[in-house]
Amino acid sequence: MDTKILRTLEEIRIYSDPYRMDIMGEFQKIDRPATIKEIADIMGEVPAKVYYHAKKLISIDLLTLDHTKQINGITAKYYQPFQGGVSIVRSEIHHSEQHVFLSEAQKLLEDIYTKSKNKFISLSNIDNPYGKLENSEVYLTSEEAKEFFEWINQFHMKHHKKDAHKEQEKYDVFTSIVKIPAEDKNKPS
């Protein structure tokens, strides 16, 4: 699976914008190359607004031109979303911009978490629960953590669209994995 690596603060800002995440989500749901106008119609938005934000996604290759088609003398551009994982390389961000990086990463995480949390709360109840929440600490080697992350990405890619030959229901999946630093044995408790 391909991974798009974001190395600059500007790339992170483009990616972390919640509205742009919604645009990417609509492109992924439609599961075929689509025009900006189609996505704007689905979102109930003005095409110019969606186009402005889509241009930002195009600038960092999260949306790419798939093909063009002449329709009544107008060239329609069909875009495809990036199909793979997105990785943010913090080490390449200049030290003076680290606090801004952390702020952007926090905004992105909060937006994703809040959307998932709100779905969980609104769709779960005591009489008929639809959600499952799991929180635990596990011990993994660096390689096992990488394999887990890759497995999650492959799972998402395999199941991101409905299979017409199966009776399936839609689920919201929020997954987080973070390495917990080893405790300093010399530090007083």
Protein backbone atom coordinates (compact mmCIF):
# COMPACT_ATOMS: atom_id res chain seq x y z
CA MET A 1 0.00 0.00 0.00
CA ASP A 2 1.24 3.48 -0.85
CA THR A 3 1.90 6.02 1.86
CA LYS A 4 1.78 9.76 1.32
CA ILE A 5 4.36 11.42 3.55
CA LEU A 6 3.66 14.95 4.71
CA ARG A 7 6.90 16.75 5.46
CA THR A 8 6.03 20.43 5.71
CA LEU A 9 3.80 22.44 7.98
CA GLU A 10 1.84 23.67 4.94
CA GLU A 11 1.13 20.08 3.83
CA ILE A 12 -0.05 19.22 7.34
CA ARG A 13 -2.30 22.27 7.43
CA ILE A 14 -3.83 21.34 4.08
CA TYR A 15 -4.44 17.76 5.17
CA SER A 16 -5.70 18.53 8.67
CA ASP A 17 -8.48 20.90 7.60
CA PRO A 18 -11.80 19.21 8.58
CA TYR A 19 -13.62 20.49 5.49
CA ARG A 20 -10.93 19.05 3.23
CA MET A 21 -11.15 15.76 5.12
CA ASP A 22 -14.89 15.75 4.31
CA ILE A 23 -14.12 16.34 0.62
CA MET A 24 -11.64 13.43 0.64
CA GLY A 25 -14.25 11.29 2.37
CA GLU A 26 -16.85 12.03 -0.32
CA PHE A 27 -14.38 11.18 -3.09
CA GLN A 28 -13.61 7.89 -1.34
CA LYS A 29 -17.29 7.06 -0.82
CA ILE A 30 -18.16 7.63 -4.47
CA ASP A 31 -15.43 5.07 -5.32
CA ARG A 32 -14.80 6.26 -8.87
CA PRO A 33 -13.20 9.30 -10.45
CA ALA A 34 -15.52 12.29 -9.99
CA THR A 35 -15.70 15.97 -10.80
CA ILE A 36 -15.52 18.69 -8.18
CA LYS A 37 -19.10 19.64 -9.17
CA GLU A 38 -20.34 16.12 -8.40
CA ILE A 39 -18.74 16.24 -4.96
CA ALA A 40 -20.12 19.74 -4.32
CA ASP A 41 -23.62 18.50 -5.23
CA ILE A 42 -23.31 15.52 -2.88
CA MET A 43 -22.14 17.83 -0.08
CA GLY A 44 -24.82 20.43 -0.85
CA GLU A 45 -22.12 23.06 -1.30
CA VAL A 46 -21.26 25.72 -3.87
CA PRO A 47 -18.80 24.23 -6.41
CA ALA A 48 -16.43 27.23 -6.08
CA LYS A 49 -15.96 26.56 -2.35
CA VAL A 50 -15.27 22.87 -2.90
CA TYR A 51 -12.97 23.66 -5.82
CA TYR A 52 -10.92 26.07 -3.67
CA HIS A 53 -10.31 23.37 -1.06
CA ALA A 54 -9.86 20.59 -3.63
CA LYS A 55 -7.09 22.65 -5.28
CA LYS A 56 -5.22 22.55 -1.97
CA LEU A 57 -5.58 18.75 -1.85
CA ILE A 58 -4.42 18.54 -5.48
CA SER A 59 -1.33 20.59 -4.58
CA ILE A 60 -0.15 17.85 -2.18
CA ASP A 61 -1.28 14.94 -4.40
CA LEU A 62 -4.13 13.75 -2.18
CA LEU A 63 -6.39 14.33 -5.18
CA THR A 64 -5.06 13.61 -8.67
CA LEU A 65 -6.48 14.18 -12.12
CA ASP A 66 -7.67 10.83 -13.48
CA HIS A 67 -9.03 11.92 -16.85
CA THR A 68 -10.88 14.67 -18.69
CA LYS A 69 -14.02 14.51 -20.81
CA GLN A 70 -15.64 17.01 -23.16
CA ILE A 71 -19.26 17.68 -22.15
CA ASN A 72 -21.14 20.27 -24.24
CA GLY A 73 -17.89 22.03 -25.14
CA ILE A 74 -16.68 22.16 -21.52
CA THR A 75 -13.77 20.10 -20.27
CA ALA A 76 -14.85 18.14 -17.21
CA LYS A 77 -11.97 17.06 -14.96
CA TYR A 78 -12.35 13.81 -13.06
CA TYR A 79 -10.28 13.38 -9.91
CA GLN A 80 -9.32 10.34 -7.88
CA PRO A 81 -8.47 10.45 -4.15
CA PHE A 82 -5.17 9.09 -2.87
CA GLN A 83 -5.66 5.44 -1.91
CA GLY A 84 -3.28 4.69 0.91
CA GLY A 85 -2.02 5.81 4.27
CA VAL A 86 -0.94 9.30 5.20
CA SER A 87 2.09 9.71 7.43
CA ILE A 88 3.34 12.89 9.07
CA VAL A 89 7.10 13.09 9.49
CA ARG A 90 7.60 15.29 12.51
CA SER A 91 11.39 15.02 12.48
CA GLU A 92 11.62 17.00 9.24
CA ILE A 93 9.78 20.01 10.65
CA HIS A 94 12.07 22.78 11.85
CA HIS A 95 12.38 23.07 15.64
CA SER A 96 10.87 26.58 15.65
CA GLU A 97 7.69 25.21 14.00
CA GLN A 98 7.24 22.18 16.30
CA HIS A 99 4.60 23.91 18.49
CA VAL A 100 2.56 24.79 15.37
CA PHE A 101 2.92 21.20 14.17
CA LEU A 102 1.61 19.91 17.50
CA SER A 103 -1.32 22.33 17.34
CA GLU A 104 -2.25 21.19 13.81
CA ALA A 105 -1.89 17.51 14.75
CA GLN A 106 -4.05 18.09 17.83
CA LYS A 107 -6.76 19.81 15.74
CA LEU A 108 -6.78 16.90 13.30
CA LEU A 109 -6.97 14.30 16.06
CA GLU A 110 -9.69 16.19 17.94
CA ASP A 111 -11.81 16.53 14.80
CA ILE A 112 -11.54 12.83 13.93
CA TYR A 113 -12.13 11.79 17.55
CA THR A 114 -15.10 14.13 18.02
CA LYS A 115 -16.83 12.93 14.86
CA SER A 116 -16.34 9.29 15.86
CA LYS A 117 -17.34 9.94 19.49
CA ASN A 118 -20.53 11.75 18.43
CA LYS A 119 -21.50 8.87 16.14
CA PHE A 120 -20.84 6.39 18.94
CA ILE A 121 -22.93 8.33 21.46
CA SER A 122 -25.81 9.08 19.10
CA LEU A 123 -26.10 5.54 17.75
CA SER A 124 -25.58 3.54 20.93
CA ASN A 125 -28.12 3.04 23.67
CA ILE A 126 -28.63 0.63 26.56
CA ASP A 127 -31.50 -1.32 24.99
CA ASN A 128 -29.95 -1.82 21.58
CA PRO A 129 -26.18 -1.19 21.56
CA TYR A 130 -24.53 -0.82 18.16
CA GLY A 131 -21.06 0.15 19.27
CA LYS A 132 -18.10 -1.44 20.98
CA LEU A 133 -15.38 0.49 22.73
CA GLU A 134 -12.00 -1.05 23.48
CA ASN A 135 -9.08 0.64 25.21
CA SER A 136 -5.99 -1.22 26.28
CA GLU A 137 -2.23 -1.09 26.41
CA VAL A 138 -0.33 -3.75 24.50
CA TYR A 139 3.34 -4.61 24.18
CA LEU A 140 4.71 -4.70 20.65
CA THR A 141 8.06 -4.58 18.96
CA SER A 142 8.57 -1.70 16.53
CA GLU A 143 8.06 -4.19 13.72
CA GLU A 144 4.82 -5.53 15.25
CA ALA A 145 3.50 -1.97 15.67
CA LYS A 146 4.30 -1.26 12.03
CA GLU A 147 2.58 -4.52 10.97
CA PHE A 148 -0.50 -3.64 13.05
CA PHE A 149 -0.70 -0.17 11.49
CA GLU A 150 -0.33 -1.67 8.00
CA TRP A 151 -3.00 -4.30 8.77
CA ILE A 152 -5.41 -1.57 9.91
CA ASN A 153 -4.77 0.40 6.69
CA GLN A 154 -5.33 -2.69 4.55
CA PHE A 155 -8.50 -3.53 6.49
CA HIS A 156 -9.84 -0.01 5.90
CA MET A 157 -9.00 -0.17 2.18
CA LYS A 158 -10.63 -3.59 1.81
CA HIS A 159 -13.84 -2.53 3.56
CA HIS A 160 -14.20 1.15 2.63
CA LYS A 161 -17.01 0.41 0.18
CA LYS A 162 -20.05 -1.83 0.25
CA ASP A 163 -19.89 -5.19 -1.50
CA ALA A 164 -23.09 -5.63 -3.53
CA HIS A 165 -22.86 -9.41 -3.11
CA LYS A 166 -22.90 -9.32 0.69
CA GLU A 167 -25.41 -8.22 3.27
CA GLN A 168 -23.34 -5.56 5.01
CA GLU A 169 -23.95 -2.75 7.45
CA LYS A 170 -21.94 0.46 7.82
CA TYR A 171 -19.65 0.91 10.86
CA ASP A 172 -17.53 3.82 12.04
CA VAL A 173 -14.03 2.72 13.05
CA PHE A 174 -11.67 4.95 15.02
CA THR A 175 -8.25 3.49 15.75
CA SER A 176 -5.38 5.10 17.57
CA ILE A 177 -1.95 3.70 18.30
CA VAL A 178 0.75 5.63 20.10
CA LYS A 179 4.08 4.49 21.50
CA ILE A 180 4.30 5.15 25.24
CA PRO A 181 7.82 6.21 26.21
CA ALA A 182 9.66 3.94 28.62
CA GLU A 183 9.62 5.16 32.20
CA ASP A 184 12.86 6.71 33.34
CA LYS A 185 14.09 4.42 36.14
CA ASN A 186 16.16 7.28 37.64
CA LYS A 187 13.19 9.61 37.88
CA PRO A 188 11.56 9.80 41.35
CA SER A 189 7.94 8.58 41.51
